[in-house]
Protein backbone atom coordinates (compact mmCIF):
# COMPACT_ATOMS: atom_id res chain seq x y z
CA UNK A 1 -29.46 14.45 -6.24
CA UNK A 2 -26.70 15.97 -4.13
CA UNK A 3 -25.52 19.32 -5.51
CA UNK A 4 -22.10 20.57 -5.02
CA UNK A 5 -20.70 23.94 -5.64
CA UNK A 6 -17.03 24.66 -6.14
CA UNK A 7 -14.34 27.06 -7.61
CA UNK A 8 -12.44 24.30 -9.53
CA UNK A 9 -13.53 20.67 -10.29
CA UNK A 10 -11.02 18.31 -11.28
CA UNK A 11 -11.84 15.18 -13.37
CA UNK A 12 -9.26 12.31 -13.05
CA UNK A 13 -7.18 11.59 -9.88
CA UNK A 14 -3.76 10.60 -11.95
CA UNK A 15 -0.66 12.48 -11.88
CA UNK A 16 -2.07 15.46 -13.82
CA UNK A 17 -5.49 15.60 -11.81
CA UNK A 18 -3.48 15.36 -8.37
CA UNK A 19 -1.23 18.23 -9.59
CA UNK A 20 -4.22 20.33 -10.72
CA UNK A 21 -6.22 19.90 -7.68
CA UNK A 22 -3.16 20.64 -5.57
CA UNK A 23 -2.23 24.08 -7.39
CA UNK A 24 -5.75 25.07 -7.40
CA UNK A 25 -6.07 24.57 -3.71
CA UNK A 26 -2.90 26.42 -3.50
CA UNK A 27 -4.14 29.30 -5.19
CA UNK A 28 -7.14 29.52 -2.88
CA UNK A 29 -9.76 27.72 -4.89
CA UNK A 30 -12.29 25.44 -3.16
CA UNK A 31 -11.95 22.30 -5.07
CA UNK A 32 -13.54 18.92 -6.01
CA UNK A 33 -11.51 15.76 -7.18
CA UNK A 34 -13.59 13.35 -9.23
CA UNK A 35 -12.42 9.63 -10.27
CA UNK A 36 -14.31 6.67 -10.69
CA UNK A 37 -11.73 4.36 -8.76
CA UNK A 38 -9.01 6.43 -6.98
CA UNK A 39 -6.73 3.42 -7.78
CA UNK A 40 -3.45 5.52 -8.12
CA UNK A 41 -1.59 7.11 -11.02
CA UNK A 42 -1.11 5.33 -14.42
CA UNK A 43 2.66 5.45 -13.83
CA UNK A 44 2.24 3.62 -10.35
CA UNK A 45 -0.37 1.25 -11.07
CA UNK A 46 -0.05 0.23 -14.78
CA UNK A 47 2.81 2.14 -16.27
CA UNK A 48 6.32 3.22 -15.38
CA UNK A 49 6.79 1.60 -12.36
CA UNK A 50 5.62 -2.07 -13.06
CA UNK A 51 7.16 -1.79 -16.47
CA UNK A 52 10.58 -0.88 -15.01
CA UNK A 53 10.20 -3.79 -12.45
CA UNK A 54 9.84 -6.21 -15.23
CA UNK A 55 12.80 -4.85 -17.23
CA UNK A 56 14.87 -4.92 -13.98
CA UNK A 57 14.27 -8.49 -13.68
CA UNK A 58 15.02 -8.87 -17.48
CA UNK A 59 18.04 -7.09 -17.18
CA UNK A 60 19.37 -9.47 -14.25
CA UNK A 61 18.68 -12.40 -16.36
CA UNK A 62 20.39 -11.06 -19.38
CA UNK A 63 23.49 -10.09 -17.32
CA UNK A 64 23.70 -13.75 -16.08
CA UNK A 65 23.74 -14.99 -19.63
CA UNK A 66 26.17 -12.60 -20.94
CA UNK A 67 28.47 -13.22 -17.91
CA UNK A 68 30.62 -15.92 -19.81
CA UNK A 69 31.70 -13.07 -22.16
CA UNK A 70 33.64 -11.69 -19.32
CA UNK A 71 35.06 -15.09 -18.28
CA UNK A 72 32.40 -15.51 -15.60
CA UNK A 73 30.63 -18.90 -15.61
CA UNK A 74 26.85 -18.76 -14.54
CA UNK A 75 23.31 -19.77 -15.51
CA UNK A 76 20.29 -17.90 -15.36
CA UNK A 77 17.16 -19.81 -14.18
CA UNK A 78 14.05 -17.67 -14.45
CA UNK A 79 11.18 -18.29 -11.92
CA UNK A 80 8.45 -16.51 -13.68
CA UNK A 81 6.12 -16.80 -10.71
CA UNK A 82 8.58 -15.03 -8.57
CA UNK A 83 9.32 -12.46 -11.22
CA UNK A 84 5.54 -11.54 -11.39
CA UNK A 85 5.08 -11.77 -7.61
CA UNK A 86 7.96 -9.05 -6.91
CA UNK A 87 6.47 -6.81 -10.10
CA UNK A 88 3.11 -6.66 -8.20
CA UNK A 89 4.35 -6.42 -4.75
CA UNK A 90 6.45 -3.57 -5.46
CA UNK A 91 3.98 -2.01 -7.76
CA UNK A 92 1.34 -2.23 -4.69
CA UNK A 93 3.94 -0.30 -2.70
CA UNK A 94 4.25 2.58 -5.13
CA UNK A 95 0.37 2.63 -5.61
CA UNK A 96 -0.11 2.79 -1.91
CA UNK A 97 2.13 5.82 -1.83
CA UNK A 98 -0.26 7.44 -4.37
CA UNK A 99 -3.24 6.51 -2.42
CA UNK A 100 -1.95 8.11 0.59
CA UNK A 101 -1.87 11.56 -1.23
CA UNK A 102 -5.52 11.25 -1.75
CA UNK A 103 -6.07 11.69 1.87
CA UNK A 104 -4.63 15.29 1.64
CA UNK A 105 -7.60 16.34 -0.76
CA UNK A 106 -10.11 17.88 1.21
CA UNK A 107 -13.20 17.09 -1.02
CA UNK A 108 -13.41 13.93 -3.28
CA UNK A 109 -16.16 12.36 -5.22
CA UNK A 110 -16.15 8.82 -6.58
CA UNK A 111 -17.88 8.37 -9.80
CA UNK A 112 -17.97 8.92 -13.53
CA UNK A 113 -18.37 12.51 -14.48
CA UNK A 114 -20.00 14.10 -17.78
CA UNK A 115 -20.57 17.45 -18.66
CA UNK A 116 -24.14 19.07 -18.81
CA UNK A 117 -22.88 22.36 -19.66
CA UNK A 118 -19.55 24.06 -19.41
CA UNK A 119 -19.80 24.77 -15.79
CA UNK A 120 -21.80 21.71 -14.42
CA UNK A 121 -21.02 17.82 -14.13
CA UNK A 122 -23.23 15.09 -13.42
CA UNK A 123 -22.00 11.84 -11.86
CA UNK A 124 -23.25 8.55 -12.27
CA UNK A 125 -23.03 8.32 -8.46
CA UNK A 126 -25.90 10.97 -8.35
CA UNK A 127 -24.08 14.21 -7.27
CA UNK A 128 -24.23 17.13 -9.56
CA UNK A 129 -21.16 19.73 -9.37
CA UNK A 130 -21.18 23.21 -10.23
CA UNK A 131 -17.77 24.90 -10.80
CA UNK A 132 -16.25 28.16 -11.99
CA UNK A 133 -13.58 26.24 -13.79
CA UNK A 134 -13.19 22.50 -14.70
CA UNK A 135 -9.84 20.67 -15.52
CA UNK A 136 -10.09 17.54 -17.62
CA UNK A 137 -7.57 14.96 -16.58
CA UNK A 138 -8.63 11.81 -17.35
CA UNK A 139 -5.58 10.23 -18.62
CA UNK A 140 -5.32 7.56 -21.58
CA UNK A 141 -6.45 4.00 -22.13
CA UNK A 142 -5.28 1.34 -24.07
CA UNK A 143 -6.78 0.86 -27.61
CA UNK A 144 -7.49 -2.60 -28.67
CA UNK A 145 -8.60 -3.28 -32.35
CA UNK A 146 -11.91 -5.02 -32.89
CA UNK A 147 -10.67 -7.78 -34.61
CA UNK A 148 -9.14 -8.92 -31.50
CA UNK A 149 -12.51 -9.49 -29.75
CA UNK A 150 -12.57 -13.04 -31.17
CA UNK A 151 -9.62 -13.97 -28.83
CA UNK A 152 -10.36 -11.32 -26.00
CA UNK A 153 -9.72 -13.88 -23.37
CA UNK A 154 -6.07 -14.15 -24.74
CA UNK A 155 -5.35 -10.41 -25.19
CA UNK A 156 -3.27 -8.28 -22.77
CA UNK A 157 -2.74 -4.53 -22.18
CA UNK A 158 -0.46 -2.62 -20.13
CA UNK A 159 -3.41 -2.66 -17.57
CA UNK A 160 -3.52 -6.30 -17.42
CA UNK A 161 -0.25 -7.82 -18.37
CA UNK A 162 1.16 -7.13 -14.82
CA UNK A 163 -1.51 -9.40 -13.26
CA UNK A 164 -0.09 -12.49 -14.91
CA UNK A 165 0.77 -14.95 -12.33
CA UNK A 166 3.56 -16.41 -14.56
CA UNK A 167 5.35 -15.82 -17.66
CA UNK A 168 3.56 -17.28 -20.84
CA UNK A 169 5.74 -19.52 -22.84
CA UNK A 170 4.93 -17.55 -26.11
CA UNK A 171 3.87 -13.89 -26.53
CA UNK A 172 2.87 -11.93 -29.55
CA UNK A 173 3.36 -8.02 -29.19
CA UNK A 174 1.30 -5.96 -31.40
CA UNK A 175 2.94 -2.63 -31.76
CA UNK A 176 6.60 -1.54 -31.76
CA UNK A 177 6.51 1.95 -30.07
CA UNK A 178 8.17 2.59 -27.02
CA UNK A 179 5.83 0.58 -24.64
CA UNK A 180 5.82 -2.19 -27.01
CA UNK A 181 9.54 -2.45 -27.49
CA UNK A 182 10.22 -2.13 -24.09
CA UNK A 183 7.92 -5.00 -22.60
CA UNK A 184 8.54 -7.29 -25.63
CA UNK A 185 12.52 -6.95 -24.95
CA UNK A 186 11.93 -7.58 -21.06
CA UNK A 187 9.66 -10.66 -21.87
CA UNK A 188 12.21 -12.02 -24.29
CA UNK A 189 15.13 -11.41 -22.02
CA UNK A 190 13.23 -13.38 -19.27
CA UNK A 191 13.05 -16.36 -21.73
CA UNK A 192 9.81 -15.96 -23.41
CA UNK A 193 9.62 -16.77 -26.99
CA UNK A 194 8.39 -13.20 -28.25
CA UNK A 195 7.41 -11.99 -31.68
CA UNK A 196 7.13 -8.17 -32.01
CA UNK A 197 4.77 -6.96 -35.02
CA UNK A 198 3.88 -3.28 -36.23
CA UNK A 199 1.92 -2.42 -39.28
CA UNK A 200 4.37 0.54 -39.70
CA UNK A 201 8.18 0.88 -39.74
CA UNK A 202 8.83 3.01 -36.50
CA UNK A 203 10.70 1.29 -33.58
CA UNK A 204 10.70 2.78 -30.15
CA UNK A 205 9.97 6.36 -31.41
CA UNK A 206 12.40 6.07 -34.03
CA UNK A 207 11.98 6.31 -37.84
CA UNK A 208 13.69 5.59 -40.98
CA UNK A 209 17.14 3.92 -40.86
CA UNK A 210 17.41 4.57 -37.26
CA UNK A 211 14.36 2.58 -36.72
CA UNK A 212 15.86 -0.41 -38.93
CA UNK A 213 19.04 -0.21 -36.98
CA UNK A 214 16.92 -0.45 -33.68
CA UNK A 215 14.98 -3.21 -34.91
CA UNK A 216 18.15 -5.28 -35.53
CA UNK A 217 19.26 -4.53 -31.99
CA UNK A 218 16.14 -5.96 -30.89
CA UNK A 219 16.21 -8.96 -33.10
CA UNK A 220 19.24 -10.29 -30.85
CA UNK A 221 16.36 -11.01 -28.54
CA UNK A 222 13.36 -11.83 -30.46
CA UNK A 223 11.55 -11.78 -33.74
CA UNK A 224 10.68 -8.47 -35.14
CA UNK A 225 8.45 -7.96 -38.07
CA UNK A 226 7.74 -4.37 -39.38
CA UNK A 227 5.21 -3.38 -42.07
CA UNK A 228 3.07 -6.47 -41.04
CA UNK A 229 -0.57 -6.28 -41.28
CA UNK A 230 -1.59 -8.91 -38.74
CA UNK A 231 -4.76 -11.18 -38.81
CA UNK A 232 -5.59 -12.99 -35.67
CA UNK A 233 -7.45 -16.23 -35.36
CA UNK A 234 -7.99 -18.72 -32.40
CA UNK A 235 -5.92 -21.90 -32.53
CA UNK A 236 -7.35 -24.18 -29.89
CA UNK A 237 -6.33 -22.61 -26.61
CA UNK A 238 -3.85 -20.12 -28.16
CA UNK A 239 -4.02 -17.56 -30.95
CA UNK A 240 -2.61 -17.64 -34.51
CA UNK A 241 -1.07 -14.27 -36.03
CA UNK A 242 -0.84 -14.31 -39.72
CA UNK A 243 0.90 -11.61 -41.87
CA UNK A 244 2.13 -11.52 -45.42
CA UNK A 245 5.30 -13.65 -45.16
CA UNK A 246 4.66 -15.29 -41.78
CA UNK A 247 2.80 -16.78 -39.10
CA UNK A 248 3.08 -17.50 -35.44
CA UNK A 249 1.13 -19.34 -32.71
CA UNK A 250 1.29 -17.72 -29.31
CA UNK A 251 -0.23 -18.21 -25.79
CA UNK A 252 -0.91 -14.66 -25.28
CA UNK A 253 -0.96 -11.46 -27.23
CA UNK A 254 -0.01 -8.11 -25.71
CA UNK A 255 -1.67 -5.26 -27.56
CA UNK A 256 0.42 -1.90 -27.26
CA UNK A 257 -1.04 -0.01 -30.21
CA UNK A 258 -1.57 3.20 -28.68
CA UNK A 259 -3.20 4.87 -25.63
CA UNK A 260 -5.66 7.45 -26.98
CA UNK A 261 -7.05 9.89 -24.59
CA UNK A 262 -9.85 8.52 -22.17
CA UNK A 263 -12.45 11.09 -23.19
CA UNK A 264 -15.29 8.71 -23.95
CA UNK A 265 -18.66 9.41 -21.92
CA UNK A 266 -17.42 12.72 -20.73
CA UNK A 267 -20.21 14.70 -22.68
CA UNK A 268 -17.77 16.96 -24.28
CA UNK A 269 -20.68 18.06 -26.80
CA UNK A 270 -22.49 19.78 -23.91
CA UNK A 271 -19.32 21.73 -22.85
CA UNK A 272 -19.44 23.97 -25.96
CA UNK A 273 -15.94 23.75 -26.71
CA UNK A 274 -14.21 22.84 -30.04
CA UNK A 275 -12.93 19.50 -30.63
CA UNK A 276 -10.34 18.22 -33.09
CA UNK A 277 -10.76 15.47 -35.70
CA UNK A 278 -10.12 13.02 -33.12
CA UNK A 279 -12.66 14.35 -30.66
CA UNK A 280 -9.71 15.81 -28.25
CA UNK A 281 -10.63 19.32 -27.01
CA UNK A 282 -8.47 22.06 -28.96
CA UNK A 283 -6.57 23.78 -26.37
CA UNK A 284 -3.71 26.28 -25.90
CA UNK A 285 -0.46 24.65 -24.94
CA UNK A 286 0.94 27.39 -22.92
CA UNK A 287 -2.39 27.73 -20.76
CA UNK A 288 -3.94 24.59 -21.29
CA UNK A 289 -7.29 26.35 -21.69
CA UNK A 290 -9.77 25.11 -24.12
CA UNK A 291 -10.43 28.08 -26.28
CA UNK A 292 -11.90 31.00 -24.39
CA UNK A 293 -14.03 28.51 -22.12
CA UNK A 294 -13.32 28.15 -18.29
CA UNK A 295 -12.49 24.43 -19.17
CA UNK A 296 -8.64 23.30 -19.08
CA UNK A 297 -7.03 19.92 -20.18
CA UNK A 298 -3.90 18.44 -18.78
CA UNK A 299 -1.66 15.23 -18.88
CA UNK A 300 -2.41 12.41 -21.19
CA UNK A 301 -6.10 13.36 -21.81
CA UNK A 302 -4.97 16.19 -24.16
CA UNK A 303 -2.27 13.56 -26.05
CA UNK A 304 0.51 16.24 -26.43
CA UNK A 305 3.18 15.11 -24.08
CA UNK A 306 2.19 11.85 -22.68
CA UNK A 307 4.88 11.50 -20.27
CA UNK A 308 4.65 11.95 -16.22
CA UNK A 309 6.81 14.92 -15.65
CA UNK A 310 4.83 16.61 -18.45
CA UNK A 311 1.55 15.65 -16.69
CA UNK A 312 2.88 17.10 -13.40
CA UNK A 313 3.87 20.52 -15.14
CA UNK A 314 0.54 20.46 -17.05
CA UNK A 315 -1.62 19.77 -13.98
CA UNK A 316 0.31 22.38 -12.21
CA UNK A 317 -0.56 25.18 -15.04
CA UNK A 318 -4.12 23.93 -15.37
CA UNK A 319 -4.94 24.03 -11.87
CA UNK A 320 -3.32 27.68 -11.29
CA UNK A 321 -5.00 29.19 -14.25
CA UNK A 322 -8.36 27.28 -13.39
CA UNK A 323 -8.15 29.12 -10.06
CA UNK A 324 -7.31 32.61 -11.47
CA UNK A 325 -9.59 33.02 -14.31
CA UNK A 326 -9.00 36.59 -14.33
CA UNK A 327 -5.19 36.22 -14.68
CA UNK A 328 -4.79 33.06 -16.92
CA UNK A 329 -0.76 32.94 -17.67
CA UNK A 330 0.99 31.18 -20.56
CA UNK A 331 3.86 29.02 -18.86
CA UNK A 332 7.15 28.33 -20.24
CA UNK A 333 7.05 24.79 -21.27
CA UNK A 334 10.09 22.20 -20.45
CA UNK A 335 12.28 20.80 -23.11
CA UNK A 336 10.44 17.90 -24.85
CA UNK A 337 12.07 14.68 -23.78
CA UNK A 338 11.04 11.19 -24.38
CA UNK A 339 12.66 8.02 -23.33
CA UNK A 340 12.05 4.22 -24.25
CA UNK A 341 13.83 1.87 -21.50
CA UNK A 342 14.93 -0.64 -24.01
CA UNK A 343 18.69 -1.78 -24.48
CA UNK A 344 20.04 0.23 -25.89
CA UNK A 345 18.07 3.24 -24.42
CA UNK A 346 16.12 5.42 -26.77
CA UNK A 347 15.93 9.13 -26.06
CA UNK A 348 14.68 12.04 -28.21
CA UNK A 349 15.20 15.43 -26.64
CA UNK A 350 14.25 19.05 -27.91
CA UNK A 351 12.91 19.91 -31.19
CA UNK A 352 13.76 21.67 -34.58
CA UNK A 353 11.49 24.64 -35.15
CA UNK A 354 9.81 24.91 -38.50
CA UNK A 355 11.88 26.30 -41.41
CA UNK A 356 15.11 26.09 -39.27
CA UNK A 357 18.11 25.31 -41.39
CA UNK A 358 20.10 22.81 -39.05
CA UNK A 359 23.59 21.21 -39.37
CA UNK A 360 23.96 17.67 -38.07
CA UNK A 361 26.55 15.67 -35.92
CA UNK A 362 26.54 11.89 -35.60
CA UNK A 363 28.54 9.26 -33.78
CA UNK A 364 28.51 5.33 -33.85
CA UNK A 365 28.91 3.52 -30.39
CA UNK A 366 29.92 0.05 -32.07
CA UNK A 367 33.53 0.95 -31.08
CA UNK A 368 33.08 3.33 -28.15
CA UNK A 369 35.85 2.42 -25.47
CA UNK A 370 33.54 2.12 -22.13
CA UNK A 371 30.57 0.57 -24.09
CA UNK A 372 32.97 -2.00 -25.46
CA UNK A 373 34.45 -2.63 -21.90
CA UNK A 374 31.06 -3.39 -20.90
CA UNK A 375 29.68 -5.28 -24.14
CA UNK A 376 27.13 -2.52 -24.56
CA UNK A 377 28.77 -1.44 -27.78
CA UNK A 378 25.44 -0.65 -29.82
CA UNK A 379 23.74 2.32 -30.67
CA UNK A 380 24.30 5.83 -32.17
CA UNK A 381 23.75 9.69 -31.66
CA UNK A 382 22.57 12.21 -33.87
CA UNK A 383 22.59 15.73 -33.02
CA UNK A 384 20.71 18.87 -34.76
CA UNK A 385 22.18 22.39 -34.38
CA UNK A 386 21.27 25.79 -35.90
CA UNK A 387 23.82 27.81 -37.88
CA UNK A 388 25.57 29.28 -34.96
CA UNK A 389 26.00 25.61 -33.43
CA UNK A 390 23.47 25.80 -30.71
CA UNK A 391 21.88 22.37 -29.96
CA UNK A 392 18.27 22.04 -30.94
CA UNK A 393 17.68 18.28 -30.68
CA UNK A 394 19.22 14.73 -29.69
CA UNK A 395 18.34 11.48 -30.84
CA UNK A 396 19.88 8.97 -28.78
CA UNK A 397 20.28 5.10 -29.13
CA UNK A 398 22.83 4.20 -26.75
CA UNK A 399 23.90 2.94 -23.48
CA UNK A 400 22.80 4.89 -20.45
CA UNK A 401 20.76 7.15 -22.97
CA UNK A 402 18.42 7.68 -20.22
CA UNK A 403 20.74 9.57 -18.43
CA UNK A 404 22.52 11.38 -21.22
CA UNK A 405 19.13 12.61 -22.35
CA UNK A 406 19.06 15.04 -19.14
CA UNK A 407 22.43 16.12 -20.22
CA UNK A 408 21.08 17.42 -23.47
CA UNK A 409 17.75 18.75 -22.04
CA UNK A 410 19.76 21.09 -19.84
CA UNK A 411 22.08 22.08 -22.66
CA UNK A 412 18.93 22.93 -24.88
CA UNK A 413 17.32 24.65 -22.16
CA UNK A 414 20.42 26.78 -21.45
CA UNK A 415 20.93 27.72 -25.38
CA UNK A 416 24.31 25.91 -25.30
CA UNK A 417 26.43 25.43 -28.49
CA UNK A 418 28.22 22.33 -29.32
CA UNK A 419 31.59 24.13 -28.62
CA UNK A 420 30.36 25.17 -25.08
CA UNK A 421 29.21 21.36 -24.40
CA UNK A 422 32.73 20.44 -25.51
CA UNK A 423 34.42 22.82 -22.98
CA UNK A 424 32.65 21.02 -20.29
CA UNK A 425 34.66 18.33 -18.47
CA UNK A 426 33.81 14.81 -19.63
CA UNK A 427 35.44 11.96 -17.48
CA UNK A 428 37.40 9.19 -19.09
CA UNK A 429 36.44 6.50 -19.62
CA UNK A 430 32.82 7.09 -19.77
CA UNK A 431 30.12 6.49 -22.48
CA UNK A 432 29.74 10.27 -22.69
CA UNK A 433 33.14 10.47 -24.34
CA UNK A 434 31.16 8.95 -27.32
CA UNK A 435 29.38 12.18 -27.63
CA UNK A 436 32.49 14.38 -28.67
CA UNK A 437 32.57 13.28 -32.20
CA UNK A 438 28.85 14.23 -32.86
CA UNK A 439 29.49 17.76 -31.04
CA UNK A 440 32.79 18.28 -33.03
CA UNK A 441 31.14 17.85 -36.22
CA UNK A 442 28.38 20.32 -35.32
CA UNK A 443 31.11 22.63 -34.63
CA UNK A 444 33.05 21.76 -38.13
CA UNK A 445 29.51 22.00 -39.95
CA UNK A 446 29.18 25.50 -38.65
CA UNK A 447 32.62 26.55 -39.32
CA UNK A 448 33.48 27.03 -35.83
CA UNK A 449 36.65 26.09 -34.06
CA UNK A 450 36.72 22.78 -32.25
CA UNK A 451 37.73 23.44 -28.67
CA UNK A 452 39.83 20.26 -27.99
CA UNK A 453 42.20 20.62 -25.29
CA UNK A 454 44.66 17.94 -24.19
CA UNK A 455 44.60 19.18 -20.65
CA UNK A 456 40.76 18.92 -20.71
CA UNK A 457 40.52 15.24 -21.44
CA UNK A 458 41.20 12.37 -23.95
CA UNK A 459 40.66 12.76 -27.78
CA UNK A 460 38.26 10.91 -29.62
CA UNK A 461 39.70 7.59 -30.20
CA UNK A 462 41.91 7.69 -27.09
CA UNK A 463 41.90 4.76 -24.59
């Protein structure tokens, strides 16, 4: 057995793991990066990038179908094989870039690691690693319910769907969260007959009436059934999905019912750290440290903020602290932000602290000028502010919401009030003008003057 000694061992070579190893090394630590495959990050290989490639193709097809509304006659003919070939080709390009970064890591071990103590790891490849500190950055993995085992050959997840050689004719999507809604709409706009099902009522991260509204937007492209407890059975070469009040036969099923932390087989019980009810290590969100141990956890593995920029930030924090055990620091975290790349985009930014009294501002995009010009007039905005009018959170379901979300993240991070945001220039005609109504309501509900100024731009309703 080969024995390796280091200062910091990092388990997982994804976004968080790479950041952790890099920052530990930057702080003078001798590092070892451990991964069973070194296939690239989740984002590049099976997440953000291939899904956006599929969405880009879908948007192109949708634009052609929508062209007659503008007096432009066109016909969209989708070549499914060409679509999927482009998805894989550019996906592989992004993955290659990640793999190049592995060359910068001085010491890598290929294998699956498990804890044998709080400071030792054993790999299935035979090595044993002793480290002063260990960072868990194993990411997350798709969850497929047991009942789907009877048709496992027809089941897809985000880790296999991009390997399709061609588009299926009929697709069932289980799970209306951000991932499920994004991919369901993309396939539907590429001409696939899609049925989106979820046992709950949430859609793309939205809840309540807002989720119901988003579901109606999605129904313009596909069938959507919420509160549907699905039963699955084989139907010849296809699969049948049954629920109370409905049934559909599909060629393939995309299961997007969640991505829990990939912690199975790590032997966490040997690490001596506290685990929550789901078997995830209990950790400090500022330091990423697990209790008082020398073990840290970052990225999707801790299931706190499963998005790429947070994985990078958490890896950086964990790596720095793992290399400086005598000087562990709590970092200021970024403003929470999540985006679903559906159309309209759905974005949530910020959060409302517990026991905080809030005021609300809302706006509807059904009649917003620029959105109507582009035939994208669907959506809404809901803002929450405190008693002084400071913006605390924004829920966006609107055209270009993925960009507007950054506008609010900056405003929230700077503690800006609705009045201060209204004092900033908003160019005409843009979709951002639709935010004025929601911001002005915050001001009015706080009994603050609304800083409308004819010299600074059009008023709400101006064309």
